Protein backbone atom coordinates (compact mmCIF):
# COMPACT_ATOMS: atom_id res chain seq x y z
CA MET A 1 100.65 12.98 185.35
CA GLN A 2 98.71 10.53 183.23
CA THR A 3 95.13 9.76 183.99
CA SER A 4 93.97 6.17 184.45
CA GLY A 5 92.01 4.63 181.61
CA ARG A 6 89.35 3.42 184.06
CA LEU A 7 86.18 5.24 183.15
CA ARG A 8 84.81 5.23 186.71
CA ASN A 9 87.40 7.96 187.38
CA SER A 10 86.40 9.91 184.30
CA PRO A 11 83.74 12.63 183.84
CA LEU A 12 82.43 10.49 180.97
CA THR A 13 80.75 8.14 183.48
CA VAL A 14 77.51 10.10 183.28
CA LYS A 15 74.08 9.06 182.16
CA VAL A 16 74.23 8.12 178.48
CA THR A 17 70.97 9.79 177.47
CA GLY A 18 71.56 13.51 176.99
CA GLU A 19 75.35 13.22 177.10
CA VAL A 20 75.39 11.73 173.61
CA SER A 21 73.29 14.63 172.35
CA ARG A 22 75.59 17.17 173.99
CA LEU A 23 78.68 15.68 172.46
CA VAL A 24 77.05 15.43 169.02
CA ALA A 25 76.39 19.12 169.07
CA MET A 26 80.12 19.78 169.53
CA SER A 27 80.93 18.59 165.97
CA GLN A 28 79.63 19.57 162.56
CA PRO A 29 80.09 16.49 160.33
CA LYS A 30 79.69 16.96 156.62
CA GLY A 31 79.94 15.27 153.27
CA LEU A 32 77.84 12.12 153.65
CA GLU A 33 74.14 11.46 154.06
CA ILE A 34 73.20 8.65 156.48
CA THR A 35 70.07 6.44 156.28
CA THR A 36 69.15 3.89 158.92
CA LEU A 37 67.93 0.73 157.16
CA GLN A 38 67.21 -1.64 160.06
CA THR A 39 67.34 -1.83 163.86
CA LEU A 40 67.50 -5.16 165.67
CA ASP A 41 67.19 -6.01 169.33
CA THR A 42 69.98 -8.34 170.49
CA GLU A 43 68.36 -8.87 173.94
CA PHE A 44 71.76 -8.93 175.70
CA CYS A 45 74.17 -5.98 175.59
CA ALA A 46 75.86 -5.89 172.16
CA ASP A 47 79.59 -5.14 172.03
CA ALA A 48 81.14 -6.60 168.84
CA THR A 49 80.12 -7.04 165.24
CA GLU A 50 82.01 -7.94 162.04
CA TRP A 51 81.17 -8.78 158.39
CA CYS A 52 82.84 -11.79 156.79
CA PRO A 53 85.68 -10.63 154.44
CA ILE A 54 85.79 -13.89 152.44
CA ASP A 55 84.62 -13.64 148.81
CA GLY A 56 81.19 -15.34 148.48
CA PHE A 57 80.51 -15.09 152.23
CA GLN A 58 80.41 -11.29 152.66
CA ASP A 59 76.68 -11.60 153.36
CA ILE A 60 77.40 -13.07 156.82
CA LEU A 61 77.45 -10.74 159.81
CA LEU A 62 78.46 -11.76 163.35
CA CYS A 63 77.29 -9.98 166.49
CA GLY A 64 78.46 -10.83 170.01
CA THR A 65 76.77 -9.93 173.27
CA TYR A 66 77.80 -9.76 176.90
CA GLN A 67 75.69 -9.37 180.01
CA LEU A 68 75.79 -9.93 183.75
CA GLN A 69 73.22 -12.31 185.23
CA GLU A 70 71.81 -9.57 187.47
CA ARG A 71 70.13 -10.50 190.72
CA GLU A 72 67.68 -7.56 190.89
CA ALA A 73 68.49 -4.90 188.26
CA SER A 74 68.28 -5.45 184.53
CA CYS A 75 70.97 -4.45 182.07
CA ASP A 76 68.97 -1.31 181.15
CA ALA A 77 68.98 -0.02 184.71
CA ASP A 78 72.78 -0.15 185.08
CA GLU A 79 74.65 2.68 183.37
CA ARG A 80 78.18 1.48 184.07
CA SER A 81 80.43 1.08 181.06
CA LYS A 82 81.49 -2.36 179.86
CA GLU A 83 84.97 -1.69 181.30
CA GLU A 84 83.57 -1.12 184.78
CA VAL A 85 81.42 -4.26 184.49
CA ILE A 86 84.48 -6.30 183.58
CA VAL A 87 86.65 -4.94 186.34
CA ASP A 88 84.25 -4.61 189.25
CA ILE A 89 81.60 -7.34 189.20
CA PRO A 90 81.33 -9.72 192.20
CA ARG A 91 82.75 -13.18 191.55
CA ASN A 92 79.44 -14.88 192.31
CA GLN A 93 77.69 -13.22 189.34
CA VAL A 94 77.55 -15.01 186.01
CA ARG A 95 78.63 -13.40 182.74
CA VAL A 96 76.43 -14.72 179.96
CA GLY A 97 76.38 -14.00 176.26
CA ARG A 98 75.07 -14.90 172.86
CA LEU A 99 76.47 -15.12 169.35
CA TYR A 100 74.19 -14.04 166.53
CA ILE A 101 74.80 -14.91 162.87
CA TYR A 102 72.88 -12.79 160.39
CA GLN A 103 72.71 -12.92 156.60
CA LEU A 104 72.11 -9.95 154.31
CA GLU A 105 69.26 -9.94 151.81
CA LYS A 106 70.88 -7.68 149.24
CA GLU A 107 67.75 -6.82 147.25
CA PHE A 108 66.03 -5.34 150.33
CA LEU A 109 69.18 -4.51 152.38
CA ARG A 110 67.79 -6.36 155.37
CA LEU A 111 69.47 -8.69 157.84
CA GLN A 112 67.92 -12.12 158.59
CA GLU A 113 68.83 -13.95 161.74
CA ARG A 114 70.19 -17.39 160.77
CA LEU A 115 71.69 -18.73 163.99
CA LYS A 116 71.73 -17.85 167.71
CA LEU A 117 74.11 -19.58 170.13
CA ASP A 118 74.08 -19.13 173.93
CA MET A 119 77.55 -19.13 175.43
CA PRO A 120 79.69 -17.20 177.94
CA GLY A 121 79.80 -13.44 177.36
CA VAL A 122 81.48 -12.48 174.07
CA LEU A 123 83.96 -9.58 174.28
CA ASP A 124 85.38 -9.58 170.75
CA ILE A 125 84.92 -11.33 167.38
CA LYS A 126 87.23 -11.44 164.36
CA TRP A 127 87.13 -13.31 161.06
CA SER A 128 90.17 -15.00 159.54
CA HIS A 129 90.83 -13.14 156.27
CA GLN A 130 91.78 -16.43 154.57
CA LEU A 131 90.08 -19.82 154.48
CA ILE A 132 91.28 -22.32 157.10
CA ASN A 133 91.06 -25.93 155.93
CA GLY A 134 89.36 -24.42 152.90
CA ARG A 135 86.53 -23.06 155.07
CA PRO A 136 85.42 -19.67 156.39
CA THR A 137 86.64 -19.36 159.98
CA PHE A 138 86.23 -16.89 162.82
CA GLY A 139 87.38 -16.57 166.40
CA LEU A 140 85.99 -14.98 169.54
CA VAL A 141 87.18 -14.37 173.07
CA ASN A 142 84.82 -14.71 176.02
CA SER A 143 84.18 -13.99 179.67
CA VAL A 144 85.67 -17.27 180.93
CA GLY A 145 89.08 -16.57 179.40
CA GLN A 146 88.79 -18.64 176.24
CA LEU A 147 89.61 -18.32 172.57
CA ARG A 148 87.00 -20.20 170.55
CA VAL A 149 87.48 -20.84 166.84
CA TYR A 150 84.49 -21.76 164.66
CA GLN A 151 84.28 -22.93 161.04
CA PHE A 152 81.52 -23.29 158.49
CA MET A 153 81.81 -26.91 157.45
CA GLU A 154 81.20 -26.48 153.71
CA ASN A 155 82.96 -24.00 151.46
CA GLN A 156 79.88 -23.12 149.46
CA SER A 157 79.11 -19.52 148.65
CA CYS A 158 76.15 -17.98 150.46
CA SER A 159 75.32 -16.10 147.24
CA LYS A 160 73.47 -17.95 144.49
CA SER A 161 75.37 -18.61 141.33
CA ASP A 162 72.67 -17.10 139.19
CA GLY A 163 73.23 -13.72 140.82
CA SER A 164 69.97 -13.76 142.76
CA SER A 165 69.98 -11.48 145.77
CA MET A 166 68.25 -14.01 148.03
CA PRO A 167 70.88 -15.85 150.17
CA GLN A 168 71.25 -19.58 150.34
CA ALA A 169 71.08 -21.41 153.67
CA LEU A 170 74.19 -21.21 155.80
CA PRO A 171 76.47 -24.22 155.84
CA PRO A 172 76.70 -26.05 159.20
CA LEU A 173 78.81 -24.34 161.90
CA SER A 174 81.34 -26.32 163.94
CA LEU A 175 83.47 -25.46 166.96
CA LEU A 176 87.06 -26.09 165.84
CA CYS A 177 88.76 -25.47 169.20
CA GLU A 178 88.37 -24.03 172.66
CA CYS A 179 91.65 -22.76 174.21
CA GLN A 180 92.06 -21.38 177.70
CA PHE A 181 94.27 -18.29 178.27
CA GLY A 182 94.88 -18.71 181.99
CA ALA A 183 93.13 -18.86 185.32
CA ASP A 184 90.56 -16.26 186.44
CA CYS A 185 90.61 -13.87 183.49
CA LEU A 186 88.38 -12.53 180.75
CA GLY A 187 89.29 -12.46 177.09
CA LEU A 188 89.16 -8.86 175.87
CA SER A 189 90.39 -8.74 172.25
CA LEU A 190 91.84 -10.87 169.44
CA GLU A 191 93.22 -10.52 165.94
CA TRP A 192 94.36 -12.81 163.13
CA SER A 193 97.71 -12.28 161.40
CA ASN A 194 96.60 -13.21 157.88
CA GLN A 195 94.86 -10.17 156.43
CA LEU A 196 97.73 -9.70 153.91
CA ARG A 197 99.92 -12.78 154.42
CA PHE A 198 98.83 -16.24 153.28
CA SER A 199 100.98 -18.50 155.46
CA GLU A 200 99.61 -20.45 158.43
CA PRO A 201 98.12 -17.74 160.61
CA SER A 202 98.56 -16.82 164.24
CA VAL A 203 95.92 -15.41 166.56
CA ALA A 204 96.82 -12.97 169.32
CA ALA A 205 94.39 -12.47 172.23
CA THR A 206 94.52 -10.25 175.32
CA ASP A 207 92.91 -10.62 178.72
CA SER A 208 91.82 -8.72 181.82
CA ASN A 209 94.99 -9.68 183.76
CA GLY A 210 97.15 -7.72 181.32
CA PHE A 211 98.49 -10.73 179.36
CA VAL A 212 98.57 -11.44 175.63
CA SER A 213 98.49 -15.04 174.33
CA LEU A 214 99.70 -16.16 170.95
CA PHE A 215 98.11 -19.15 169.18
CA LYS A 216 99.31 -20.97 166.07
CA VAL A 217 96.54 -22.12 163.74
CA THR A 218 97.24 -25.13 161.53
CA PRO A 219 94.88 -27.34 159.48
CA ALA A 220 95.02 -29.87 162.31
CA ALA A 221 94.93 -27.81 165.51
CA VAL A 222 95.06 -24.49 167.33
CA GLU A 223 97.97 -24.42 169.77
CA LYS A 224 98.92 -21.78 172.35
CA THR A 225 102.62 -21.03 171.76
CA CYS A 226 103.29 -18.34 174.37
CA ARG A 227 101.71 -15.97 176.88
CA TRP A 228 103.34 -12.97 178.50
CA LYS A 229 102.52 -9.89 180.61
CA CYS A 230 102.11 -7.05 178.14
CA GLN A 231 100.30 -4.35 180.15
CA ASP A 232 100.23 -3.36 183.86
CA PHE A 233 96.41 -3.49 184.01
CA GLU A 234 93.68 -4.71 181.62
CA ALA A 235 95.09 -5.35 178.10
CA TRP A 236 92.17 -3.92 176.14
CA ILE A 237 93.49 -4.44 172.61
CA THR A 238 95.97 -6.25 170.43
CA ALA A 239 96.66 -6.04 166.68
CA PHE A 240 99.27 -7.33 164.26
CA ASN A 241 101.18 -5.14 161.85
CA GLN A 242 99.49 -6.84 158.90
CA TRP A 243 102.38 -5.93 156.56
CA ASP A 244 104.85 -7.56 158.93
CA PRO A 245 103.07 -9.90 161.38
CA SER A 246 106.23 -10.42 163.41
CA LEU A 247 105.32 -7.02 164.92
CA LEU A 248 102.48 -7.06 167.46
CA TYR A 249 100.77 -4.06 169.08
CA THR A 250 99.13 -4.11 172.51
CA GLY A 251 97.35 -1.39 174.44
CA GLY A 252 95.95 -1.28 177.93
CA ASP A 253 94.50 0.51 180.91
CA ASP A 254 98.00 1.63 181.91
CA CYS A 255 97.75 4.29 179.10
CA GLN A 256 100.57 2.59 177.16
CA LEU A 257 100.80 1.46 173.54
CA LYS A 258 103.50 -1.18 173.11
CA VAL A 259 105.16 -2.77 170.08
CA TRP A 260 106.58 -6.31 170.39
CA ASP A 261 108.97 -7.91 167.86
CA LEU A 262 108.14 -11.62 168.02
CA ARG A 263 111.40 -12.51 166.22
CA ILE A 264 113.48 -11.47 169.23
CA GLY A 265 111.22 -12.68 172.01
CA THR A 266 108.71 -11.20 174.42
CA ASP A 267 110.81 -10.19 177.43
CA PHE A 268 110.71 -6.54 176.46
CA PRO A 269 108.75 -4.43 174.00
CA VAL A 270 110.73 -2.69 171.27
CA LEU A 271 108.68 0.48 171.79
CA VAL A 272 106.49 1.97 174.49
CA SER A 273 104.40 5.04 173.68
CA ARG A 274 102.71 7.14 176.34
CA ARG A 275 101.22 9.54 173.85
CA HIS A 276 97.66 8.63 174.97
CA THR A 277 96.74 9.99 178.38
CA MET A 278 94.10 7.37 179.18
CA GLY A 279 93.69 3.69 178.44
CA VAL A 280 94.52 2.51 174.90
CA CYS A 281 91.59 0.46 173.68
CA SER A 282 91.87 0.27 169.85
CA VAL A 283 94.65 -0.38 167.34
CA GLN A 284 94.45 -1.33 163.65
CA SER A 285 96.99 -1.59 160.88
CA ASN A 286 96.01 0.05 157.53
CA PRO A 287 95.38 -2.80 155.05
CA ILE A 288 96.15 -0.67 151.96
CA GLN A 289 98.88 1.80 153.01
CA GLU A 290 101.96 0.16 154.43
CA HIS A 291 103.47 1.53 157.69
CA ILE A 292 100.22 3.32 158.73
CA VAL A 293 98.63 2.38 162.04
CA ALA A 294 95.66 3.97 163.87
CA THR A 295 95.12 3.98 167.65
CA GLY A 296 92.26 5.15 169.88
CA SER A 297 91.88 5.71 173.58
CA TYR A 298 89.54 6.73 176.35
CA ASP A 299 91.24 10.13 176.06
CA GLU A 300 89.00 10.61 172.98
CA GLN A 301 91.99 11.02 170.65
CA LEU A 302 92.39 9.14 167.36
CA CYS A 303 96.07 9.01 166.38
CA ILE A 304 97.57 7.98 163.03
CA TRP A 305 101.16 6.72 163.20
CA ASP A 306 103.95 5.84 160.81
CA SER A 307 105.22 2.53 162.17
CA ARG A 308 108.79 3.36 161.11
CA GLN A 309 108.90 6.41 163.39
CA MET A 310 106.53 6.32 166.35
CA ARG A 311 107.89 9.10 168.50
CA ARG A 312 104.77 11.14 167.68
CA PRO A 313 101.66 10.59 165.54
CA VAL A 314 101.55 12.04 162.04
CA GLN A 315 97.88 12.99 162.49
CA ASP A 316 95.39 13.17 165.36
CA ILE A 317 91.89 14.35 166.14
CA GLY A 318 89.59 14.49 169.18
CA LEU A 319 86.20 12.83 168.69
CA GLY A 320 84.34 13.64 171.89
CA GLY A 321 84.20 10.03 173.17
CA GLY A 322 86.46 7.12 173.95
CA ILE A 323 87.45 5.29 170.76
CA TRP A 324 86.67 1.64 171.45
CA ARG A 325 87.08 0.29 167.92
CA ILE A 326 88.77 1.43 164.72
CA LYS A 327 88.06 -0.08 161.28
CA TRP A 328 90.00 1.11 158.24
CA GLU A 329 87.94 1.27 155.03
CA PRO A 330 89.11 -1.78 152.99
CA TRP A 331 89.13 -0.21 149.50
CA SER A 332 91.47 2.78 149.60
CA GLY A 333 92.71 2.85 153.19
CA THR A 334 91.95 6.59 153.43
CA LYS A 335 88.82 6.46 155.60
CA ILE A 336 88.22 5.20 159.11
CA LEU A 337 85.04 4.03 160.92
CA THR A 338 85.13 4.37 164.69
CA ALA A 339 82.94 3.17 167.51
CA THR A 340 83.25 6.22 169.72
CA MET A 341 81.49 5.08 172.90
CA TYR A 342 79.58 8.07 174.25
CA SER A 343 79.80 9.99 170.95
CA GLY A 344 78.24 7.52 168.52
CA PHE A 345 80.03 6.36 165.38
CA HIS A 346 82.28 8.44 163.12
CA LEU A 347 83.35 8.24 159.49
CA LEU A 348 86.62 10.05 158.94
CA GLN A 349 88.83 11.02 156.05
CA ALA A 350 92.33 10.11 157.20
CA ASP A 351 94.85 10.08 154.36
CA SER A 352 98.23 10.73 155.95
CA SER A 353 99.97 10.77 152.55
CA SER A 354 97.97 13.82 151.48
CA GLY A 355 99.20 16.04 154.26
CA ALA A 356 95.64 17.13 155.04
CA PRO A 357 94.28 16.96 158.59
CA ILE A 358 91.78 14.28 159.60
CA ASP A 359 88.29 15.34 158.58
CA ILE A 360 84.96 14.18 160.05
CA LEU A 361 82.79 13.15 157.09
CA SER A 362 79.77 12.07 159.08
CA GLN A 363 78.57 10.89 162.48
CA TYR A 364 75.91 8.26 163.24
CA THR A 365 74.00 8.97 166.43
CA LYS A 366 70.88 6.81 166.25
CA HIS A 367 72.04 4.41 168.94
CA GLU A 368 70.86 5.21 172.47
CA SER A 369 73.79 3.77 174.42
CA ILE A 370 77.55 3.21 174.34
CA ALA A 371 78.96 2.57 170.84
CA TYR A 372 81.17 -0.53 170.89
CA GLY A 373 81.14 -2.39 167.53
CA ALA A 374 81.09 -1.39 163.85
CA ASP A 375 82.24 -2.71 160.47
CA TRP A 376 82.11 -1.98 156.72
CA TYR A 377 80.21 -4.38 154.46
CA ARG A 378 82.35 -5.75 151.62
CA TRP A 379 80.68 -6.45 148.28
CA ASN A 380 81.02 -9.71 146.34
CA SER A 381 83.64 -9.34 143.59
CA ASN A 382 81.58 -11.43 141.11
CA GLN A 383 78.22 -9.71 141.38
CA ASP A 384 76.38 -6.45 141.51
CA VAL A 385 75.70 -6.25 145.21
CA GLY A 386 73.53 -4.12 147.42
CA PRO A 387 74.37 -0.45 147.74
CA CYS A 388 77.52 -0.60 145.67
CA LYS A 389 75.79 -1.46 142.35
CA LYS A 390 79.07 -1.91 140.53
CA LYS A 391 80.50 -4.83 138.55
CA VAL A 392 83.99 -5.74 139.68
CA ASP A 393 86.40 -7.82 137.66
CA SER A 394 86.86 -11.07 139.59
CA GLU A 395 90.48 -11.25 138.39
CA ALA A 396 91.23 -7.88 139.95
CA ASN A 397 91.36 -6.70 143.56
CA PRO A 398 87.67 -6.43 144.57
CA PHE A 399 88.61 -3.63 147.00
CA SER A 400 90.57 -1.49 144.53
CA SER A 401 88.15 1.45 144.61
CA SER A 402 85.51 2.71 146.98
CA PRO A 403 81.81 1.95 146.42
CA ALA A 404 79.24 4.64 145.59
CA LYS A 405 77.63 4.03 148.97
CA TYR A 406 78.86 2.45 152.20
CA LEU A 407 76.83 -0.17 154.06
CA ILE A 408 77.70 -0.39 157.77
CA ALA A 409 76.63 -2.48 160.75
CA SER A 410 77.03 -1.07 164.26
CA CYS A 411 76.06 -2.20 167.75
CA SER A 412 75.66 -0.60 171.16
CA PHE A 413 75.63 -1.86 174.71
CA TYR A 414 72.83 -0.99 177.12
CA ASP A 415 70.17 -0.57 174.48
CA HIS A 416 71.19 -4.05 173.17
CA SER A 417 70.89 -2.80 169.63
CA LEU A 418 72.31 -3.70 166.20
CA HIS A 419 71.78 -1.19 163.36
CA LEU A 420 72.27 -1.49 159.61
CA TRP A 421 72.81 1.84 157.87
CA GLU A 422 74.17 3.32 154.67
CA CYS A 423 76.23 6.39 153.85
CA SER A 424 76.17 8.18 150.53
CA PRO A 425 77.39 11.54 149.20
CA ASN A 426 75.03 14.46 149.84
CA SER A 427 72.95 15.13 146.74
């Protein structure tokens, strides 16, 4: 019998302090040395962060926050998980949030806050991997069931042309659209379809009622094209197969991973996997190795799949905490960064083509609460940048080989914290 993905029925709903330390002691990570460079207070509970992937704008980091307008208790006094907050809060309480936009000072490896916008609670943030209307663009989903798409209004690089490490001022930010999913729901996740394909993109977004909505993004508008019931309970995650965006993955609190073929309609999924025994909350397609997909769950299992044969995963590993987010390393597609909820953040070697098992390279445990958001910094292809210190041919793929060091941003919930840290091989 499968266990519900709802964490209030799980032994993991214990006090965060101490439990993280116990779980850390269960693993012996190796291979990389970690240095914390900066810690920032986001005031509200932080749950999503992502670096811009667009060349010339990689300095920009987004961080989204989500918090209940508590009557008596503060966020710090409430040790429920974000999932329990979403599911159980009284209707008369207000969900508030804030979007932070930071910029990296490469010489000092420090983040500077450039913009702060109050808005409904932010549950997920994703950048478009291509310019829209010739401009850097990102989307977010929020606690009032909306997809919001924002654009920087000038396509000017945030890095100075003379190679100076000091960033230029951000171009003005504009709200391109605000699209409603449906009545009485929260947006939970979103993804763009254009990481590898350059045609007009789609955005998929899931909500707390178990639906996924599909939006078409054109230079003139963002239009909702369809919405269907994809999961029995909360639909925690959605992701495109970036090599074939007609295939869409969804995962939810019903412990099911589903694959939808958008070419034949949305009445039925083409595959339903019950390999995970608790709620499926993370999915991401490998951007370098075709056919490879990673999934994570509250059952603490990271699974690597071959999308051509999904009867069973080709690799898996237990990480000691629910795997809320997965980010493939963008250079070789052989490493994974996870936000592992009650077990911090993991860096993993996961090369399914090698036949070797998944290996824990390192674990970051400096956060004091639930790990929800993390992302790899991407260097500028035209400059020596930050920790990478390597010149990359602008005519070549800027992500063709891994940097000497990794620069990572991560965020956690009840300690409302954003960290900047680097990983390098042990000397």
